[in-house]
Protein backbone atom coordinates (compact mmCIF):
# COMPACT_ATOMS: atom_id res chain seq x y z
CA MET A 1 21.32 -20.83 5.80
CA LEU A 2 17.62 -20.32 6.01
CA ARG A 3 17.70 -18.53 2.62
CA TRP A 4 19.68 -21.53 1.20
CA ASP A 5 17.05 -23.97 2.57
CA GLN A 6 14.13 -21.92 1.26
CA ALA A 7 15.83 -21.72 -2.19
CA LEU A 8 15.91 -25.55 -2.35
CA TYR A 9 12.07 -25.55 -2.38
CA THR A 10 12.13 -23.56 -5.64
CA GLU A 11 13.94 -23.84 -8.93
CA LYS A 12 16.08 -20.71 -8.38
CA LEU A 13 19.23 -22.71 -7.89
CA LEU A 14 18.48 -25.97 -9.76
CA GLY A 15 15.94 -27.37 -12.07
CA ARG A 16 13.24 -29.74 -10.90
CA LYS A 17 15.07 -32.76 -12.46
CA TRP A 18 18.20 -32.06 -10.37
CA LEU A 19 16.25 -31.32 -7.23
CA THR A 20 14.41 -34.56 -7.54
CA LEU A 21 17.67 -36.42 -8.12
CA MET A 22 19.22 -34.71 -5.07
CA PHE A 23 16.47 -35.49 -2.74
CA THR A 24 15.84 -39.16 -3.90
CA PRO A 25 17.74 -42.00 -2.21
CA HIS A 26 19.90 -43.97 -4.66
CA PRO A 27 20.80 -47.68 -4.22
CA PRO A 28 22.38 -49.20 -2.26
CA GLY A 29 21.43 -46.91 0.55
CA ASP A 30 19.61 -43.86 1.71
CA TYR A 31 21.93 -41.24 0.15
CA GLY A 32 20.86 -38.74 -2.50
CA TYR A 33 23.12 -36.24 -4.16
CA GLY A 34 24.66 -34.80 -1.02
CA TRP A 35 21.84 -35.60 1.39
CA PHE A 36 20.68 -38.64 3.50
CA ILE A 37 16.97 -39.30 3.05
CA LYS A 38 15.09 -41.32 5.64
CA SER A 39 11.51 -41.78 6.86
CA GLU A 40 11.22 -41.16 10.68
CA LYS A 41 7.93 -41.11 12.55
CA ARG A 42 5.92 -41.16 9.29
CA ARG A 43 7.79 -38.07 7.90
CA GLU A 44 10.56 -37.59 5.51
CA LYS A 45 13.86 -36.44 7.13
CA ILE A 46 16.59 -35.03 4.83
CA PHE A 47 19.94 -34.27 6.48
CA HIS A 48 23.69 -33.85 6.21
CA GLU A 49 26.37 -33.89 8.83
CA GLY A 50 29.98 -32.73 8.70
CA GLY A 51 32.88 -31.92 10.76
CA ASP A 52 36.58 -31.53 10.98
CA PRO A 53 38.94 -30.62 13.78
CA GLY A 54 37.51 -27.38 15.18
CA PHE A 55 33.93 -27.72 14.01
CA SER A 56 30.91 -29.89 13.72
CA ALA A 57 27.65 -29.27 11.86
CA PHE A 58 24.31 -31.02 11.36
CA GLU A 59 21.51 -29.75 9.02
CA THR A 60 18.11 -31.42 8.70
CA ARG A 61 15.06 -30.62 6.68
CA TYR A 62 11.49 -31.84 7.06
CA PRO A 63 9.95 -30.85 3.65
CA GLU A 64 6.30 -31.70 4.65
CA THR A 65 6.32 -28.96 7.27
CA ARG A 66 9.22 -26.95 5.82
CA THR A 67 10.91 -27.36 9.12
CA PHE A 68 14.66 -26.55 9.03
CA VAL A 69 17.14 -27.03 11.84
CA ILE A 70 20.80 -26.39 11.64
CA VAL A 71 23.28 -26.72 14.57
CA LEU A 72 26.85 -25.34 14.12
CA SER A 73 29.62 -25.80 16.67
CA ASN A 74 33.18 -24.87 16.84
CA LEU A 75 33.78 -28.06 18.95
CA GLU A 76 34.14 -31.08 16.82
CA THR A 77 32.81 -33.38 19.54
CA ALA A 78 29.59 -31.46 20.08
CA PRO A 79 26.53 -33.70 19.87
CA VAL A 80 25.06 -31.66 16.94
CA ARG A 81 22.88 -34.52 15.63
CA LYS A 82 21.25 -35.04 19.06
CA ILE A 83 20.77 -31.23 19.53
CA ALA A 84 19.24 -30.95 16.06
CA ASP A 85 16.87 -33.90 16.58
CA ASP A 86 15.76 -32.47 19.90
CA LEU A 87 15.14 -29.11 18.41
CA ALA A 88 13.22 -30.70 15.53
CA ALA A 89 11.13 -32.76 17.99
CA LEU A 90 10.22 -29.51 19.83
CA ALA A 91 9.39 -27.68 16.63
CA LEU A 92 7.25 -30.56 15.31
CA GLY A 93 5.38 -30.92 18.51
CA GLU A 94 6.84 -34.38 19.21
CA SER A 95 8.53 -33.58 22.53
CA SER A 96 8.07 -31.65 25.72
CA VAL A 97 11.84 -31.55 26.27
CA VAL A 98 13.06 -28.37 28.02
CA LEU A 99 16.30 -27.35 26.56
CA GLY A 100 18.95 -26.85 29.17
CA GLY A 101 16.85 -28.83 31.72
CA LYS A 102 17.86 -31.89 33.48
CA ASP A 103 17.00 -35.34 32.34
């Protein structure tokens, strides 16, 4: 997955035109070609979430810092988005959360 993410910063998989289209929100919302694109805490956040009975996944990218977080679970009710957001906050120096600690 890391190699996939790193390849999306290059033109190895797609040309610049298609990468731009993929990572640009299209009206009427914040969805590009397969990705949600939002601005949070003054930085761009690009993400996709999916699941089905038996699994849940959340992938998020912060292009400015090339931070990539992916959470995969074989439990469809796992809070993958929350876990990914907490991990990203730690990686980006925005949180002092201790994983596994008590609230």
